[in-house]
PDB file of N, CA and C in Angstrom:
ATOM      1  N   MET A   1     -13.041  -6.706 -27.461  1.00  0.00           N
ATOM      2  CA  MET A   1     -12.508  -6.776 -26.341  1.00  0.00           C
ATOM      3  C   MET A   1     -11.403  -5.806 -25.961  1.00  0.00           C
ATOM      4  N   ASP A   2     -11.161  -5.208 -24.815  1.00  0.00           N
ATOM      5  CA  ASP A   2     -10.182  -4.065 -24.615  1.00  0.00           C
ATOM      6  C   ASP A   2      -8.747  -4.912 -24.522  1.00  0.00           C
ATOM      7  N   PRO A   3      -7.759  -4.424 -25.363  1.00  0.00           N
ATOM      8  CA  PRO A   3      -6.334  -5.314 -25.472  1.00  0.00           C
ATOM      9  C   PRO A   3      -5.969  -5.270 -24.079  1.00  0.00           C
ATOM     10  N   ARG A   4      -5.852  -4.262 -23.172  1.00  0.00           N
ATOM     11  CA  ARG A   4      -5.378  -4.253 -21.836  1.00  0.00           C
ATOM     12  C   ARG A   4      -5.750  -5.361 -21.060  1.00  0.00           C
ATOM     13  N   GLU A   5      -7.019  -5.760 -21.169  1.00  0.00           N
ATOM     14  CA  GLU A   5      -7.516  -7.131 -20.316  1.00  0.00           C
ATOM     15  C   GLU A   5      -7.087  -8.456 -21.036  1.00  0.00           C
ATOM     16  N   MET A   6      -6.266  -8.412 -22.050  1.00  0.00           N
ATOM     17  CA  MET A   6      -5.744  -9.569 -22.816  1.00  0.00           C
ATOM     18  C   MET A   6      -4.384  -9.806 -22.479  1.00  0.00           C
ATOM     19  N   GLN A   7      -3.704  -8.899 -21.738  1.00  0.00           N
ATOM     20  CA  GLN A   7      -2.355  -9.082 -21.234  1.00  0.00           C
ATOM     21  C   GLN A   7      -2.078 -10.470 -20.428  1.00  0.00           C
ATOM     22  N   VAL A   8      -1.207 -11.159 -20.670  1.00  0.00           N
ATOM     23  CA  VAL A   8      -0.790 -12.402 -20.108  1.00  0.00           C
ATOM     24  C   VAL A   8      -0.195 -11.831 -18.612  1.00  0.00           C
ATOM     25  N   GLY A   9      -0.644 -12.629 -17.556  1.00  0.00           N
ATOM     26  CA  GLY A   9      -0.093 -12.344 -16.356  1.00  0.00           C
ATOM     27  C   GLY A   9      -0.511 -10.959 -15.794  1.00  0.00           C
ATOM     28  N   SER A  10      -1.523 -10.298 -16.302  1.00  0.00           N
ATOM     29  CA  SER A  10      -1.864  -8.991 -15.522  1.00  0.00           C
ATOM     30  C   SER A  10      -2.774  -9.342 -14.506  1.00  0.00           C
ATOM     31  N   THR A  11      -2.761  -8.402 -13.455  1.00  0.00           N
ATOM     32  CA  THR A  11      -3.872  -8.398 -12.513  1.00  0.00           C
ATOM     33  C   THR A  11      -5.349  -7.805 -12.956  1.00  0.00           C
ATOM     34  N   PRO A  12      -6.203  -8.481 -12.823  1.00  0.00           N
ATOM     35  CA  PRO A  12      -7.605  -7.782 -13.048  1.00  0.00           C
ATOM     36  C   PRO A  12      -7.801  -6.413 -12.551  1.00  0.00           C
ATOM     37  N   ARG A  13      -8.518  -5.822 -13.067  1.00  0.00           N
ATOM     38  CA  ARG A  13      -8.567  -4.318 -12.682  1.00  0.00           C
ATOM     39  C   ARG A  13      -9.574  -4.252 -11.298  1.00  0.00           C
ATOM     40  N   GLN A  14      -9.199  -3.244 -10.551  1.00  0.00           N
ATOM     41  CA  GLN A  14     -10.102  -3.347  -9.039  1.00  0.00           C
ATOM     42  C   GLN A  14     -11.305  -2.296  -9.445  1.00  0.00           C
ATOM     43  N   HIS A  15     -12.487  -2.478  -8.922  1.00  0.00           N
ATOM     44  CA  HIS A  15     -13.343  -1.407  -9.123  1.00  0.00           C
ATOM     45  C   HIS A  15     -14.224  -1.252  -7.776  1.00  0.00           C
ATOM     46  N   GLN A  16     -14.402  -0.354  -7.427  1.00  0.00           N
ATOM     47  CA  GLN A  16     -15.321   0.099  -6.046  1.00  0.00           C
ATOM     48  C   GLN A  16     -16.250   1.313  -6.415  1.00  0.00           C
ATOM     49  N   GLU A  17     -17.430   1.262  -5.938  1.00  0.00           N
ATOM     50  CA  GLU A  17     -18.378   2.243  -6.320  1.00  0.00           C
ATOM     51  C   GLU A  17     -17.839   3.474  -5.349  1.00  0.00           C
ATOM     52  N   LYS A  18     -17.386   3.277  -4.244  1.00  0.00           N
ATOM     53  CA  LYS A  18     -17.155   4.537  -3.218  1.00  0.00           C
ATOM     54  C   LYS A  18     -15.666   4.831  -3.462  1.00  0.00           C
ATOM     55  N   GLN A  19     -15.430   6.109  -3.415  1.00  0.00           N
ATOM     56  CA  GLN A  19     -14.048   6.593  -3.629  1.00  0.00           C
ATOM     57  C   GLN A  19     -13.780   7.537  -2.387  1.00  0.00           C
ATOM     58  N   PRO A  20     -12.735   7.458  -1.679  1.00  0.00           N
ATOM     59  CA  PRO A  20     -11.651   6.524  -1.846  1.00  0.00           C
ATOM     60  C   PRO A  20     -12.111   5.143  -1.546  1.00  0.00           C
ATOM     61  N   GLY A  21     -11.633   4.230  -2.283  1.00  0.00           N
ATOM     62  CA  GLY A  21     -11.958   2.692  -1.839  1.00  0.00           C
ATOM     63  C   GLY A  21     -11.361   2.212  -0.573  1.00  0.00           C
ATOM     64  N   ILE A  22     -11.910   1.329   0.046  1.00  0.00           N
ATOM     65  CA  ILE A  22     -11.387   0.589   1.103  1.00  0.00           C
ATOM     66  C   ILE A  22     -10.544  -0.724   0.609  1.00  0.00           C
ATOM     67  N   GLU A  23      -9.087  -0.693   0.612  1.00  0.00           N
ATOM     68  CA  GLU A  23      -8.348  -1.681   0.120  1.00  0.00           C
ATOM     69  C   GLU A  23      -8.584  -2.971   0.647  1.00  0.00           C
ATOM     70  N   SER A  24      -9.063  -3.178   1.979  1.00  0.00           N
ATOM     71  CA  SER A  24      -9.298  -4.508   2.475  1.00  0.00           C
ATOM     72  C   SER A  24     -10.551  -5.211   1.888  1.00  0.00           C
ATOM     73  N   LYS A  25     -11.354  -4.425   1.201  1.00  0.00           N
ATOM     74  CA  LYS A  25     -12.577  -5.011   0.513  1.00  0.00           C
ATOM     75  C   LYS A  25     -12.274  -5.371  -0.986  1.00  0.00           C
ATOM     76  N   MET A  26     -11.008  -5.219  -1.448  1.00  0.00           N
ATOM     77  CA  MET A  26     -10.674  -5.271  -3.003  1.00  0.00           C
ATOM     78  C   MET A  26     -10.402  -6.867  -3.177  1.00  0.00           C
ATOM     79  N   GLN A  27     -11.162  -7.311  -4.276  1.00  0.00           N
ATOM     80  CA  GLN A  27     -10.853  -8.562  -4.721  1.00  0.00           C
ATOM     81  C   GLN A  27     -10.527  -8.605  -6.383  1.00  0.00           C
ATOM     82  N   PRO A  28      -9.324  -9.160  -6.442  1.00  0.00           N
ATOM     83  CA  PRO A  28      -8.241  -9.758  -5.708  1.00  0.00           C
ATOM     84  C   PRO A  28      -7.500  -8.572  -4.934  1.00  0.00           C
ATOM     85  N   ARG A  29      -6.937  -9.062  -3.822  1.00  0.00           N
ATOM     86  CA  ARG A  29      -6.174  -7.986  -3.031  1.00  0.00           C
ATOM     87  C   ARG A  29      -4.906  -7.640  -3.813  1.00  0.00           C
ATOM     88  N   PRO A  30      -4.335  -6.334  -3.724  1.00  0.00           N
ATOM     89  CA  PRO A  30      -3.113  -5.882  -4.339  1.00  0.00           C
ATOM     90  C   PRO A  30      -2.101  -6.562  -3.734  1.00  0.00           C
ATOM     91  N   PRO A  31      -1.136  -6.937  -4.526  1.00  0.00           N
ATOM     92  CA  PRO A  31       0.315  -7.425  -3.848  1.00  0.00           C
ATOM     93  C   PRO A  31       0.894  -6.586  -2.959  1.00  0.00           C
ATOM     94  N   GLN A  32       1.533  -6.982  -1.967  1.00  0.00           N
ATOM     95  CA  GLN A  32       2.322  -6.056  -1.041  1.00  0.00           C
ATOM     96  C   GLN A  32       3.777  -6.483  -1.136  1.00  0.00           C
ATOM     97  N   PRO A  33       4.732  -5.497  -0.825  1.00  0.00           N
ATOM     98  CA  PRO A  33       6.072  -5.829  -0.944  1.00  0.00           C
ATOM     99  C   PRO A  33       6.653  -6.488   0.475  1.00  0.00           C
ATOM    100  N   SER A  34       6.695  -7.850   0.161  1.00  0.00           N
ATOM    101  CA  SER A  34       6.849  -8.685   1.355  1.00  0.00           C
ATOM    102  C   SER A  34       8.308  -9.299   1.526  1.00  0.00           C
ATOM    103  N   ASP A  35       8.875  -9.483   0.435  1.00  0.00           N
ATOM    104  CA  ASP A  35      10.184 -10.136   0.314  1.00  0.00           C
ATOM    105  C   ASP A  35      11.504  -9.184   0.291  1.00  0.00           C
ATOM    106  N   TYR A  36      11.228  -7.691   0.353  1.00  0.00           N
ATOM    107  CA  TYR A  36      12.243  -6.848   0.200  1.00  0.00           C
ATOM    108  C   TYR A  36      12.939  -6.741   1.637  1.00  0.00           C
ATOM    109  N   GLN A  37      14.254  -6.916   1.498  1.00  0.00           N
ATOM    110  CA  GLN A  37      15.141  -6.762   2.778  1.00  0.00           C
ATOM    111  C   GLN A  37      15.766  -5.278   2.841  1.00  0.00           C
ATOM    112  N   GLY A  38      15.380  -4.498   3.777  1.00  0.00           N
ATOM    113  CA  GLY A  38      15.870  -3.246   3.739  1.00  0.00           C
ATOM    114  C   GLY A  38      17.353  -3.005   4.156  1.00  0.00           C
ATOM    115  N   THR A  39      17.956  -1.918   4.111  1.00  0.00           N
ATOM    116  CA  THR A  39      19.529  -2.014   4.339  1.00  0.00           C
ATOM    117  C   THR A  39      19.853  -0.677   5.366  1.00  0.00           C
ATOM    118  N   ASN A  40      18.829  -0.204   6.103  1.00  0.00           N
ATOM    119  CA  ASN A  40      18.803   0.814   6.769  1.00  0.00           C
ATOM    120  C   ASN A  40      19.178   2.064   6.322  1.00  0.00           C
ATOM    121  N   LYS A  41      19.013   2.476   5.226  1.00  0.00           N
ATOM    122  CA  LYS A  41      19.391   3.726   4.312  1.00  0.00           C
ATOM    123  C   LYS A  41      18.703   5.023   5.066  1.00  0.00           C
ATOM    124  N   LEU A  42      17.484   4.588   5.793  1.00  0.00           N
ATOM    125  CA  LEU A  42      16.748   5.646   6.379  1.00  0.00           C
ATOM    126  C   LEU A  42      16.749   5.734   8.010  1.00  0.00           C
ATOM    127  N   LYS A  43      17.808   4.870   8.502  1.00  0.00           N
ATOM    128  CA  LYS A  43      17.724   4.917   9.781  1.00  0.00           C
ATOM    129  C   LYS A  43      18.018   6.104  10.606  1.00  0.00           C
ATOM    130  N   GLY A  44      17.225   6.417  11.470  1.00  0.00           N
ATOM    131  CA  GLY A  44      17.359   7.679  12.249  1.00  0.00           C
ATOM    132  C   GLY A  44      16.434   8.877  11.631  1.00  0.00           C
ATOM    133  N   LYS A  45      15.898   8.472  10.349  1.00  0.00           N
ATOM    134  CA  LYS A  45      15.025   9.637   9.855  1.00  0.00           C
ATOM    135  C   LYS A  45      13.782   9.474  10.197  1.00  0.00           C
ATOM    136  N   ALA A  46      12.693  10.188  10.050  1.00  0.00           N
ATOM    137  CA  ALA A  46      11.265  10.185  10.499  1.00  0.00           C
ATOM    138  C   ALA A  46      10.682  10.648   9.109  1.00  0.00           C
ATOM    139  N   SER A  47       9.520   9.813   8.922  1.00  0.00           N
ATOM    140  CA  SER A  47       8.518  10.270   7.767  1.00  0.00           C
ATOM    141  C   SER A  47       7.107  10.270   8.139  1.00  0.00           C
ATOM    142  N   LEU A  48       6.440  11.226   7.560  1.00  0.00           N
ATOM    143  CA  LEU A  48       4.972  11.229   7.413  1.00  0.00           C
ATOM    144  C   LEU A  48       4.709  11.001   6.256  1.00  0.00           C
ATOM    145  N   ILE A  49       3.658   9.820   6.168  1.00  0.00           N
ATOM    146  CA  ILE A  49       3.181   9.325   4.647  1.00  0.00           C
ATOM    147  C   ILE A  49       1.837   9.711   4.780  1.00  0.00           C
ATOM    148  N   THR A  50       1.246  10.433   3.938  1.00  0.00           N
ATOM    149  CA  THR A  50      -0.212  10.806   3.684  1.00  0.00           C
ATOM    150  C   THR A  50      -0.859   9.601   2.891  1.00  0.00           C
ATOM    151  N   GLY A  51      -2.157   9.384   3.280  1.00  0.00           N
ATOM    152  CA  GLY A  51      -2.722   8.030   2.534  1.00  0.00           C
ATOM    153  C   GLY A  51      -1.930   6.846   2.571  1.00  0.00           C
ATOM    154  N   GLY A  52      -1.268   6.750   3.832  1.00  0.00           N
ATOM    155  CA  GLY A  52      -0.538   5.361   3.998  1.00  0.00           C
ATOM    156  C   GLY A  52      -1.268   4.222   4.449  1.00  0.00           C
ATOM    157  N   ASP A  53      -2.637   4.154   4.436  1.00  0.00           N
ATOM    158  CA  ASP A  53      -3.396   3.033   4.663  1.00  0.00           C
ATOM    159  C   ASP A  53      -3.498   2.223   3.485  1.00  0.00           C
ATOM    160  N   SER A  54      -3.382   2.567   2.409  1.00  0.00           N
ATOM    161  CA  SER A  54      -3.446   1.733   1.089  1.00  0.00           C
ATOM    162  C   SER A  54      -2.737   2.331  -0.140  1.00  0.00           C
ATOM    163  N   GLY A  55      -2.755   1.531  -1.159  1.00  0.00           N
ATOM    164  CA  GLY A  55      -2.308   1.881  -2.350  1.00  0.00           C
ATOM    165  C   GLY A  55      -0.736   2.283  -2.377  1.00  0.00           C
ATOM    166  N   ILE A  56      -0.202   3.319  -3.104  1.00  0.00           N
ATOM    167  CA  ILE A  56       0.973   3.766  -3.211  1.00  0.00           C
ATOM    168  C   ILE A  56       1.454   4.065  -1.776  1.00  0.00           C
ATOM    169  N   GLY A  57       0.619   4.893  -0.979  1.00  0.00           N
ATOM    170  CA  GLY A  57       1.016   5.400   0.443  1.00  0.00           C
ATOM    171  C   GLY A  57       1.557   4.199   1.213  1.00  0.00           C
ATOM    172  N   ARG A  58       0.712   3.031   1.397  1.00  0.00           N
ATOM    173  CA  ARG A  58       0.961   1.869   1.896  1.00  0.00           C
ATOM    174  C   ARG A  58       2.456   1.356   1.544  1.00  0.00           C
ATOM    175  N   ALA A  59       2.560   1.354   0.330  1.00  0.00           N
ATOM    176  CA  ALA A  59       3.944   0.711  -0.140  1.00  0.00           C
ATOM    177  C   ALA A  59       4.945   1.471   0.241  1.00  0.00           C
ATOM    178  N   VAL A  60       4.784   2.840   0.068  1.00  0.00           N
ATOM    179  CA  VAL A  60       5.931   3.718   0.605  1.00  0.00           C
ATOM    180  C   VAL A  60       6.117   3.550   2.178  1.00  0.00           C
ATOM    181  N   ALA A  61       5.062   3.636   2.857  1.00  0.00           N
ATOM    182  CA  ALA A  61       5.409   3.334   4.404  1.00  0.00           C
ATOM    183  C   ALA A  61       5.986   1.994   4.781  1.00  0.00           C
ATOM    184  N   ILE A  62       5.563   1.036   4.036  1.00  0.00           N
ATOM    185  CA  ILE A  62       6.205  -0.245   4.550  1.00  0.00           C
ATOM    186  C   ILE A  62       7.752  -0.305   3.931  1.00  0.00           C
ATOM    187  N   LEU A  63       7.991   0.189   2.891  1.00  0.00           N
ATOM    188  CA  LEU A  63       9.385   0.277   2.423  1.00  0.00           C
ATOM    189  C   LEU A  63      10.240   1.344   3.201  1.00  0.00           C
ATOM    190  N   TYR A  64       9.780   2.416   3.585  1.00  0.00           N
ATOM    191  CA  TYR A  64      10.435   3.271   4.467  1.00  0.00           C
ATOM    192  C   TYR A  64      10.730   2.711   5.704  1.00  0.00           C
ATOM    193  N   ALA A  65       9.673   2.004   6.405  1.00  0.00           N
ATOM    194  CA  ALA A  65       9.901   1.299   7.708  1.00  0.00           C
ATOM    195  C   ALA A  65      11.003   0.077   7.496  1.00  0.00           C
ATOM    196  N   LYS A  66      10.910  -0.650   6.380  1.00  0.00           N
ATOM    197  CA  LYS A  66      11.807  -1.579   6.096  1.00  0.00           C
ATOM    198  C   LYS A  66      13.301  -1.147   5.952  1.00  0.00           C
ATOM    199  N   GLU A  67      13.432   0.285   5.734  1.00  0.00           N
ATOM    200  CA  GLU A  67      14.664   0.946   5.481  1.00  0.00           C
ATOM    201  C   GLU A  67      15.216   1.673   6.734  1.00  0.00           C
ATOM    202  N   GLY A  68      14.402   1.445   7.885  1.00  0.00           N
ATOM    203  CA  GLY A  68      14.683   1.757   9.095  1.00  0.00           C
ATOM    204  C   GLY A  68      14.245   3.338   9.715  1.00  0.00           C
ATOM    205  N   ALA A  69      13.323   3.743   8.759  1.00  0.00           N
ATOM    206  CA  ALA A  69      12.646   5.173   9.236  1.00  0.00           C
ATOM    207  C   ALA A  69      11.464   4.779  10.302  1.00  0.00           C
ATOM    208  N   ASP A  70      11.428   5.763  11.086  1.00  0.00           N
ATOM    209  CA  ASP A  70      10.254   5.789  11.990  1.00  0.00           C
ATOM    210  C   ASP A  70       9.199   6.489  11.026  1.00  0.00           C
ATOM    211  N   VAL A  71       7.986   5.849  10.944  1.00  0.00           N
ATOM    212  CA  VAL A  71       7.011   6.086   9.746  1.00  0.00           C
ATOM    213  C   VAL A  71       5.874   6.395  10.822  1.00  0.00           C
ATOM    214  N   ALA A  72       5.113   7.432  10.398  1.00  0.00           N
ATOM    215  CA  ALA A  72       3.621   7.954  10.901  1.00  0.00           C
ATOM    216  C   ALA A  72       2.887   8.024   9.626  1.00  0.00           C
ATOM    217  N   ILE A  73       1.853   7.471   9.481  1.00  0.00           N
ATOM    218  CA  ILE A  73       0.613   7.731   8.469  1.00  0.00           C
ATOM    219  C   ILE A  73      -0.398   8.678   8.882  1.00  0.00           C
ATOM    220  N   SER A  74      -0.993   9.242   7.801  1.00  0.00           N
ATOM    221  CA  SER A  74      -2.378   9.903   7.912  1.00  0.00           C
ATOM    222  C   SER A  74      -3.201   9.308   6.825  1.00  0.00           C
ATOM    223  N   TYR A  75      -4.592   9.130   7.364  1.00  0.00           N
ATOM    224  CA  TYR A  75      -5.523   8.546   6.467  1.00  0.00           C
ATOM    225  C   TYR A  75      -6.948   8.932   6.656  1.00  0.00           C
ATOM    226  N   LEU A  76      -7.916   8.777   5.813  1.00  0.00           N
ATOM    227  CA  LEU A  76      -9.183   8.958   6.133  1.00  0.00           C
ATOM    228  C   LEU A  76      -9.673   7.884   6.906  1.00  0.00           C
ATOM    229  N   ASP A  77     -11.072   7.897   7.077  1.00  0.00           N
ATOM    230  CA  ASP A  77     -11.691   6.778   7.960  1.00  0.00           C
ATOM    231  C   ASP A  77     -11.582   5.633   7.442  1.00  0.00           C
ATOM    232  N   GLU A  78     -10.481   4.880   7.307  1.00  0.00           N
ATOM    233  CA  GLU A  78     -10.228   3.473   6.866  1.00  0.00           C
ATOM    234  C   GLU A  78      -9.438   2.760   7.747  1.00  0.00           C
ATOM    235  N   HIS A  79      -9.834   2.657   9.010  1.00  0.00           N
ATOM    236  CA  HIS A  79      -8.915   1.981  10.012  1.00  0.00           C
ATOM    237  C   HIS A  79      -8.471   0.555   9.901  1.00  0.00           C
ATOM    238  N   GLY A  80      -9.388  -0.147   9.290  1.00  0.00           N
ATOM    239  CA  GLY A  80      -8.849  -1.444   8.962  1.00  0.00           C
ATOM    240  C   GLY A  80      -7.715  -1.613   8.053  1.00  0.00           C
ATOM    241  N   ASP A  81      -7.641  -0.684   7.049  1.00  0.00           N
ATOM    242  CA  ASP A  81      -6.658  -0.791   6.179  1.00  0.00           C
ATOM    243  C   ASP A  81      -5.204  -0.258   6.815  1.00  0.00           C
ATOM    244  N   ALA A  82      -5.449   0.712   7.794  1.00  0.00           N
ATOM    245  CA  ALA A  82      -4.394   1.305   8.370  1.00  0.00           C
ATOM    246  C   ALA A  82      -3.745   0.328   9.278  1.00  0.00           C
ATOM    247  N   GLU A  83      -4.716  -0.567  10.045  1.00  0.00           N
ATOM    248  CA  GLU A  83      -4.080  -1.481  10.796  1.00  0.00           C
ATOM    249  C   GLU A  83      -3.374  -2.574  10.291  1.00  0.00           C
ATOM    250  N   GLU A  84      -3.613  -2.835   8.921  1.00  0.00           N
ATOM    251  CA  GLU A  84      -2.972  -3.760   8.129  1.00  0.00           C
ATOM    252  C   GLU A  84      -1.571  -3.389   7.771  1.00  0.00           C
ATOM    253  N   THR A  85      -1.589  -2.071   7.289  1.00  0.00           N
ATOM    254  CA  THR A  85      -0.253  -1.291   6.946  1.00  0.00           C
ATOM    255  C   THR A  85       0.524  -1.480   8.300  1.00  0.00           C
ATOM    256  N   LYS A  86       0.062  -1.252   9.646  1.00  0.00           N
ATOM    257  CA  LYS A  86       0.782  -1.258  10.773  1.00  0.00           C
ATOM    258  C   LYS A  86       1.673  -2.653  10.958  1.00  0.00           C
ATOM    259  N   LYS A  87       1.046  -3.882  10.627  1.00  0.00           N
ATOM    260  CA  LYS A  87       1.419  -4.889  10.665  1.00  0.00           C
ATOM    261  C   LYS A  87       2.848  -5.240   9.939  1.00  0.00           C
TER     262      LYS A  87
END
């Protein structure tokens, strides 16, 4: 058995046949930064996040928005994931 799969409290690995994967189809779903309270460190700033519909790009887009930035994201044809980021 792979020792990385034996870690206590670890999240199971994700696998999709198609790359890039569509995050909304992943099971289990990746955790999202929901409890972070921003402090407006980026108020008045604008950002363009590439790949902002999922993964690290989504996390960055959400956190920048919580910090007060105006955020725009670019992404491939994965509109469902992008709509979830927008929420």
